[in-house]
Every structure is written in C-alpha cells, then in structure tokens.
Amino acid sequence: MRKSDEKRLEKLVNMQKGEHCALVVRKHWFVFARRAIAVFFAGLIAWFILGLLKNLADDALSPIFAFWQAWIIFVSTLALFVEWTNYYLDMWIVTNKRILHVDQIRLFSRMIAATRIDRVQDVKAKVSGLIQTFLGFGDLHVQTAGTNTNPMLIRGIPYPNEVRRVILKYLDHSIDQHGMHNKDGIGHN
C-alpha cells in the first residue's frame, strides 16, 4: 500500500496508536460491471425508444425528443458515476486491532462500522455459484460478541477465504497477546 493511500485511510477511520492496516478489500470488479452494464443498457434502451419516437413524430417535436435523448445520456452517465463511486468507496479495512466496514450508502452518505478484533467470534466465507467460483469472489460474514450485534456482512469481495484467514490470524494474535486461551490452548476463557 502506498504512503498516500495509508494517510487517506488514517484520516478516514482515525487509526489508533499502534494500529496498522493489514488489508483493504473492495468489492470484486464483476459486482461493479454487472450493475454498470444494467445502467448502460437501461439508458441505451430509453435513448433508442426516444429515437424511434422522434422518427415517427412530427418534425416540430424533433427538438423535444433530441432534448430528452440528451437528458437520458446525461442521467445514464451520472448513474454510472454514482455506481463507480459506490463501488470504489465501499470497503473493508482489516487492521491489527479492528475490522472496519465503510459503506457508501448514497453519493454523500457514508456509514462506518467498526469492531475490535478480539470481539470476533465467527468468520464465514461463502462462495456459491458458477460465476463466483470461477471468478473467485463471494461473501464474508463476521459475527461478533454481544447481545444486540448483527453480523458484519460484505457481499461480492474477491477471495473471501483469504480475507477470512487474515482476520483469524489477527484474532489468534490478539488472543495470544491477551492470554485468553485456556490450558489446552483451545478457545476463550
């Protein structure tokens, strides 16, 4: 990771003393491509239908249809930009102390959820279906300790089993550091 990227992450998530970023995970490119293609074809179909209507309509209405065709191009381009922004700014950040989920909800709305590594109880990686298996992406669920906690979930990340391994490595390190293994070295006290 470049120094400039590390500085931006530190500003975004307020890194604690002694905390360092181990992994930044964004959704797989296929997740963005699927949504971008849907937006592109929806705009293309609307533009094409307006073009047909423009050809069938009276010449006096032609400028109105041309305006709406231009509007469709503008809105589709804006929608693609919003999809890209959402794709790029949605991320999971795994540090040696925490797991942070940055969720870009809308263009100017973001939610950041964090959990301490030592609160993690279960980490599940799920890859299902031909496309996910072939392209190597899936979902990751992280269950944390507490009565009112929902699992942290991110869909469509590349190599979820590798991310799971990194989280479990830092969880084991945290357990070892705090002496939370029982006599047999299994589980928490």
C-alpha atoms as a PDB file:
ATOM      1  CA  MET A   1       0.000   0.000   0.000  1.00  0.00           C
ATOM      2  CA  ARG A   2       1.318   3.416  -0.927  1.00  0.00           C
ATOM      3  CA  LYS A   3       2.018   6.015   1.758  1.00  0.00           C
ATOM      4  CA  SER A   4      -0.592   8.406   0.313  1.00  0.00           C
ATOM      5  CA  ASP A   5      -3.245   5.657   0.488  1.00  0.00           C
ATOM      6  CA  GLU A   6      -2.283   4.904   4.095  1.00  0.00           C
ATOM      7  CA  LYS A   7      -2.619   8.587   5.047  1.00  0.00           C
ATOM      8  CA  ARG A   8      -6.092   8.778   3.458  1.00  0.00           C
ATOM      9  CA  LEU A   9      -7.182   5.655   5.317  1.00  0.00           C
ATOM     10  CA  GLU A  10      -5.822   7.014   8.585  1.00  0.00           C
ATOM     11  CA  LYS A  11      -7.906  10.165   8.098  1.00  0.00           C
ATOM     12  CA  LEU A  12     -10.999   8.181   7.090  1.00  0.00           C
ATOM     13  CA  VAL A  13     -11.037   5.764  10.014  1.00  0.00           C
ATOM     14  CA  ASN A  14      -8.959   7.502  12.725  1.00  0.00           C
ATOM     15  CA  MET A  15      -6.305   4.853  13.260  1.00  0.00           C
ATOM     16  CA  GLN A  16      -5.441   4.228  16.888  1.00  0.00           C
ATOM     17  CA  LYS A  17      -1.956   4.297  18.348  1.00  0.00           C
ATOM     18  CA  GLY A  18      -0.078   1.159  17.345  1.00  0.00           C
ATOM     19  CA  GLU A  19      -2.679   0.204  14.764  1.00  0.00           C
ATOM     20  CA  HIS A  20      -1.657  -0.575  11.219  1.00  0.00           C
ATOM     21  CA  CYS A  21      -3.618  -1.521   8.147  1.00  0.00           C
ATOM     22  CA  ALA A  22      -3.235  -5.159   7.138  1.00  0.00           C
ATOM     23  CA  LEU A  23      -5.756  -5.376   4.336  1.00  0.00           C
ATOM     24  CA  VAL A  24      -8.142  -3.181   2.336  1.00  0.00           C
ATOM     25  CA  VAL A  25     -10.816  -5.071   0.442  1.00  0.00           C
ATOM     26  CA  ARG A  26     -13.209  -3.663  -2.120  1.00  0.00           C
ATOM     27  CA  LYS A  27     -15.926  -5.491  -3.967  1.00  0.00           C
ATOM     28  CA  HIS A  28     -14.933  -7.626  -6.926  1.00  0.00           C
ATOM     29  CA  TRP A  29     -14.878  -5.876 -10.315  1.00  0.00           C
ATOM     30  CA  PHE A  30     -17.672  -8.174 -11.534  1.00  0.00           C
ATOM     31  CA  VAL A  31     -20.083  -6.662  -8.990  1.00  0.00           C
ATOM     32  CA  PHE A  32     -19.483  -3.204 -10.471  1.00  0.00           C
ATOM     33  CA  ALA A  33     -19.522  -4.475 -14.065  1.00  0.00           C
ATOM     34  CA  ARG A  34     -22.892  -6.197 -13.592  1.00  0.00           C
ATOM     35  CA  ARG A  35     -24.507  -3.029 -12.228  1.00  0.00           C
ATOM     36  CA  ALA A  36     -22.786  -0.751 -14.757  1.00  0.00           C
ATOM     37  CA  ILE A  37     -23.960  -2.904 -17.661  1.00  0.00           C
ATOM     38  CA  ALA A  38     -27.531  -2.789 -16.335  1.00  0.00           C
ATOM     39  CA  VAL A  39     -27.398   1.022 -16.079  1.00  0.00           C
ATOM     40  CA  PHE A  40     -25.806   1.311 -19.525  1.00  0.00           C
ATOM     41  CA  PHE A  41     -28.396  -0.890 -21.239  1.00  0.00           C
ATOM     42  CA  ALA A  42     -31.321   0.790 -19.441  1.00  0.00           C
ATOM     43  CA  GLY A  43     -30.066   4.157 -20.727  1.00  0.00           C
ATOM     44  CA  LEU A  44     -29.430   2.748 -24.193  1.00  0.00           C
ATOM     45  CA  ILE A  45     -32.925   1.269 -24.456  1.00  0.00           C
ATOM     46  CA  ALA A  46     -34.537   4.533 -23.298  1.00  0.00           C
ATOM     47  CA  TRP A  47     -32.385   6.514 -25.759  1.00  0.00           C
ATOM     48  CA  PHE A  48     -33.280   4.128 -28.602  1.00  0.00           C
ATOM     49  CA  ILE A  49     -37.029   4.281 -27.853  1.00  0.00           C
ATOM     50  CA  LEU A  50     -36.897   8.080 -27.822  1.00  0.00           C
ATOM     51  CA  GLY A  51     -35.044   7.944 -31.165  1.00  0.00           C
ATOM     52  CA  LEU A  52     -37.796   5.790 -32.655  1.00  0.00           C
ATOM     53  CA  LEU A  53     -40.466   8.145 -31.327  1.00  0.00           C
ATOM     54  CA  LYS A  54     -38.527  11.110 -32.732  1.00  0.00           C
ATOM     55  CA  ASN A  55     -38.519   9.489 -36.191  1.00  0.00           C
ATOM     56  CA  LEU A  56     -42.257   8.764 -36.000  1.00  0.00           C
ATOM     57  CA  ALA A  57     -43.234  12.181 -34.637  1.00  0.00           C
ATOM     58  CA  ASP A  58     -43.818  15.422 -36.432  1.00  0.00           C
ATOM     59  CA  ASP A  59     -40.685  17.418 -37.319  1.00  0.00           C
ATOM     60  CA  ALA A  60     -41.812  20.171 -34.944  1.00  0.00           C
ATOM     61  CA  LEU A  61     -41.413  17.776 -32.000  1.00  0.00           C
ATOM     62  CA  SER A  62     -37.972  16.586 -33.072  1.00  0.00           C
ATOM     63  CA  PRO A  63     -36.063  19.077 -30.835  1.00  0.00           C
ATOM     64  CA  ILE A  64     -38.049  17.931 -27.802  1.00  0.00           C
ATOM     65  CA  PHE A  65     -37.120  14.286 -28.418  1.00  0.00           C
ATOM     66  CA  ALA A  66     -33.494  15.289 -29.047  1.00  0.00           C
ATOM     67  CA  PHE A  67     -33.501  17.119 -25.698  1.00  0.00           C
ATOM     68  CA  TRP A  68     -34.836  14.027 -23.901  1.00  0.00           C
ATOM     69  CA  GLN A  69     -32.258  11.841 -25.633  1.00  0.00           C
ATOM     70  CA  ALA A  70     -29.507  14.159 -24.399  1.00  0.00           C
ATOM     71  CA  TRP A  71     -31.084  14.087 -20.937  1.00  0.00           C
ATOM     72  CA  ILE A  72     -31.020  10.260 -20.965  1.00  0.00           C
ATOM     73  CA  ILE A  73     -27.299  10.331 -21.843  1.00  0.00           C
ATOM     74  CA  PHE A  74     -26.641  12.782 -19.001  1.00  0.00           C
ATOM     75  CA  VAL A  75     -28.635  10.785 -16.426  1.00  0.00           C
ATOM     76  CA  SER A  76     -27.062   7.485 -17.516  1.00  0.00           C
ATOM     77  CA  THR A  77     -23.571   8.957 -17.255  1.00  0.00           C
ATOM     78  CA  LEU A  78     -24.388  10.346 -13.810  1.00  0.00           C
ATOM     79  CA  ALA A  79     -25.802   6.970 -12.732  1.00  0.00           C
ATOM     80  CA  LEU A  80     -22.610   5.237 -13.908  1.00  0.00           C
ATOM     81  CA  PHE A  81     -20.563   7.748 -11.902  1.00  0.00           C
ATOM     82  CA  VAL A  82     -22.660   7.064  -8.788  1.00  0.00           C
ATOM     83  CA  GLU A  83     -22.240   3.301  -9.279  1.00  0.00           C
ATOM     84  CA  TRP A  84     -18.468   3.703  -9.615  1.00  0.00           C
ATOM     85  CA  THR A  85     -18.307   5.918  -6.516  1.00  0.00           C
ATOM     86  CA  ASN A  86     -20.324   3.399  -4.511  1.00  0.00           C
ATOM     87  CA  TYR A  87     -18.126   0.557  -5.776  1.00  0.00           C
ATOM     88  CA  TYR A  88     -14.856   2.360  -5.040  1.00  0.00           C
ATOM     89  CA  LEU A  89     -15.769   3.747  -1.615  1.00  0.00           C
ATOM     90  CA  ASP A  90     -17.375   0.573  -0.216  1.00  0.00           C
ATOM     91  CA  MET A  91     -14.560  -1.254   1.536  1.00  0.00           C
ATOM     92  CA  TRP A  92     -13.464  -3.385   4.427  1.00  0.00           C
ATOM     93  CA  ILE A  93     -10.318  -2.430   6.264  1.00  0.00           C
ATOM     94  CA  VAL A  94      -8.670  -5.059   8.426  1.00  0.00           C
ATOM     95  CA  THR A  95      -6.109  -3.745  10.896  1.00  0.00           C
ATOM     96  CA  ASN A  96      -4.211  -5.478  13.644  1.00  0.00           C
ATOM     97  CA  LYS A  97      -6.822  -4.196  16.134  1.00  0.00           C
ATOM     98  CA  ARG A  98     -10.127  -3.712  14.291  1.00  0.00           C
ATOM     99  CA  ILE A  99     -12.295  -4.570  11.328  1.00  0.00           C
ATOM    100  CA  LEU A 100     -13.887  -1.534   9.713  1.00  0.00           C
ATOM    101  CA  HIS A 101     -16.693  -1.631   7.177  1.00  0.00           C
ATOM    102  CA  VAL A 102     -17.052   1.564   5.167  1.00  0.00           C
ATOM    103  CA  ASP A 103     -20.427   1.540   3.435  1.00  0.00           C
ATOM    104  CA  GLN A 104     -21.081   4.264   0.862  1.00  0.00           C
ATOM    105  CA  ILE A 105     -24.874   4.450   1.058  1.00  0.00           C
ATOM    106  CA  ARG A 106     -25.518   7.318  -1.342  1.00  0.00           C
ATOM    107  CA  LEU A 107     -23.334   9.822  -3.092  1.00  0.00           C
ATOM    108  CA  PHE A 108     -22.938  11.993   0.012  1.00  0.00           C
ATOM    109  CA  SER A 109     -23.811   9.492   2.714  1.00  0.00           C
ATOM    110  CA  ARG A 110     -21.385   7.054   4.293  1.00  0.00           C
ATOM    111  CA  MET A 111     -21.586   4.725   7.284  1.00  0.00           C
ATOM    112  CA  ILE A 112     -18.529   3.307   9.031  1.00  0.00           C
ATOM    113  CA  ALA A 113     -18.961   0.323  11.341  1.00  0.00           C
ATOM    114  CA  ALA A 114     -16.072  -0.995  13.386  1.00  0.00           C
ATOM    115  CA  THR A 115     -15.496  -3.923  15.652  1.00  0.00           C
ATOM    116  CA  ARG A 116     -12.475  -4.851  17.664  1.00  0.00           C
ATOM    117  CA  ILE A 117     -10.656  -7.964  16.507  1.00  0.00           C
ATOM    118  CA  ASP A 118     -10.899  -9.504  19.976  1.00  0.00           C
ATOM    119  CA  ARG A 119     -14.728  -9.302  19.764  1.00  0.00           C
ATOM    120  CA  VAL A 120     -14.894 -11.549  16.697  1.00  0.00           C
ATOM    121  CA  GLN A 121     -16.500 -14.909  17.410  1.00  0.00           C
ATOM    122  CA  ASP A 122     -17.054 -16.369  13.976  1.00  0.00           C
ATOM    123  CA  VAL A 123     -15.932 -15.613  10.428  1.00  0.00           C
ATOM    124  CA  LYS A 124     -17.641 -17.300   7.493  1.00  0.00           C
ATOM    125  CA  ALA A 125     -16.686 -17.057   3.845  1.00  0.00           C
ATOM    126  CA  LYS A 126     -19.265 -18.081   1.269  1.00  0.00           C
ATOM    127  CA  VAL A 127     -18.587 -18.643  -2.420  1.00  0.00           C
ATOM    128  CA  SER A 128     -21.583 -20.038  -4.251  1.00  0.00           C
ATOM    129  CA  GLY A 129     -22.466 -20.468  -7.870  1.00  0.00           C
ATOM    130  CA  LEU A 130     -20.506 -20.952 -11.045  1.00  0.00           C
ATOM    131  CA  ILE A 131     -19.615 -17.299 -11.665  1.00  0.00           C
ATOM    132  CA  GLN A 132     -18.444 -16.652  -8.086  1.00  0.00           C
ATOM    133  CA  THR A 133     -16.389 -19.840  -8.078  1.00  0.00           C
ATOM    134  CA  PHE A 134     -14.860 -19.203 -11.492  1.00  0.00           C
ATOM    135  CA  LEU A 135     -14.045 -15.522 -10.833  1.00  0.00           C
ATOM    136  CA  GLY A 136     -13.068 -16.032  -7.170  1.00  0.00           C
ATOM    137  CA  PHE A 137     -15.420 -13.809  -5.217  1.00  0.00           C
ATOM    138  CA  GLY A 138     -18.088 -14.243  -2.557  1.00  0.00           C
ATOM    139  CA  ASP A 139     -19.480 -13.016   0.731  1.00  0.00           C
ATOM    140  CA  LEU A 140     -17.916 -12.638   4.159  1.00  0.00           C
ATOM    141  CA  HIS A 141     -19.871 -12.730   7.436  1.00  0.00           C
ATOM    142  CA  VAL A 142     -18.221 -11.704  10.692  1.00  0.00           C
ATOM    143  CA  GLN A 143     -20.151 -12.454  13.893  1.00  0.00           C
ATOM    144  CA  THR A 144     -19.100 -10.502  16.953  1.00  0.00           C
ATOM    145  CA  ALA A 145     -19.716 -10.897  20.666  1.00  0.00           C
ATOM    146  CA  GLY A 146     -22.620  -9.040  22.203  1.00  0.00           C
ATOM    147  CA  THR A 147     -26.346  -9.376  22.632  1.00  0.00           C
ATOM    148  CA  ASN A 148     -27.516  -6.814  20.073  1.00  0.00           C
ATOM    149  CA  THR A 149     -24.921  -7.242  17.359  1.00  0.00           C
ATOM    150  CA  ASN A 150     -25.774  -8.102  13.818  1.00  0.00           C
ATOM    151  CA  PRO A 151     -23.101  -9.845  11.785  1.00  0.00           C
ATOM    152  CA  MET A 152     -20.943  -7.623   9.629  1.00  0.00           C
ATOM    153  CA  LEU A 153     -21.576  -8.627   6.045  1.00  0.00           C
ATOM    154  CA  ILE A 154     -19.926  -7.635   2.812  1.00  0.00           C
ATOM    155  CA  ARG A 155     -21.067  -9.113  -0.449  1.00  0.00           C
ATOM    156  CA  GLY A 156     -19.028  -9.728  -3.545  1.00  0.00           C
ATOM    157  CA  ILE A 157     -15.454  -9.416  -2.287  1.00  0.00           C
ATOM    158  CA  PRO A 158     -12.547 -11.094  -4.049  1.00  0.00           C
ATOM    159  CA  TYR A 159     -11.097 -14.170  -2.333  1.00  0.00           C
ATOM    160  CA  PRO A 160     -13.228 -14.155   0.833  1.00  0.00           C
ATOM    161  CA  ASN A 161     -11.381 -17.188   2.232  1.00  0.00           C
ATOM    162  CA  GLU A 162      -8.110 -15.229   2.133  1.00  0.00           C
ATOM    163  CA  VAL A 163      -9.737 -12.297   3.954  1.00  0.00           C
ATOM    164  CA  ARG A 164     -11.128 -14.775   6.498  1.00  0.00           C
ATOM    165  CA  ARG A 165      -7.604 -16.159   7.067  1.00  0.00           C
ATOM    166  CA  VAL A 166      -6.185 -12.672   7.680  1.00  0.00           C
ATOM    167  CA  ILE A 167      -8.932 -11.851  10.194  1.00  0.00           C
ATOM    168  CA  LEU A 168      -8.412 -15.160  12.011  1.00  0.00           C
ATOM    169  CA  LYS A 169      -4.634 -14.587  12.073  1.00  0.00           C
ATOM    170  CA  TYR A 170      -5.111 -11.257  13.855  1.00  0.00           C
ATOM    171  CA  LEU A 171      -7.760 -12.780  16.130  1.00  0.00           C
ATOM    172  CA  ASP A 172      -5.312 -15.539  17.141  1.00  0.00           C
ATOM    173  CA  HIS A 173      -2.600 -12.927  17.698  1.00  0.00           C
ATOM    174  CA  SER A 174      -4.973 -10.894  19.881  1.00  0.00           C
ATOM    175  CA  ILE A 175      -5.941 -13.994  21.866  1.00  0.00           C
ATOM    176  CA  ASP A 176      -2.282 -14.913  22.377  1.00  0.00           C
ATOM    177  CA  GLN A 177      -1.404 -11.351  23.339  1.00  0.00           C
ATOM    178  CA  HIS A 178      -4.156 -11.138  25.962  1.00  0.00           C
ATOM    179  CA  GLY A 179      -3.682 -14.698  27.258  1.00  0.00           C
ATOM    180  CA  MET A 180      -7.271 -15.715  26.543  1.00  0.00           C
ATOM    181  CA  HIS A 181      -6.517 -19.346  25.621  1.00  0.00           C
ATOM    182  CA  ASN A 182      -7.438 -21.937  28.218  1.00  0.00           C
ATOM    183  CA  LYS A 183      -4.952 -24.546  29.443  1.00  0.00           C
ATOM    184  CA  ASP A 184      -5.348 -26.678  26.314  1.00  0.00           C
ATOM    185  CA  GLY A 185      -4.832 -23.675  24.025  1.00  0.00           C
ATOM    186  CA  ILE A 186      -8.364 -24.010  22.699  1.00  0.00           C
ATOM    187  CA  GLY A 187     -10.998 -21.283  22.874  1.00  0.00           C
ATOM    188  CA  HIS A 188     -11.503 -18.318  25.143  1.00  0.00           C
ATOM    189  CA  ASN A 189     -11.616 -18.281  28.941  1.00  0.00           C
END
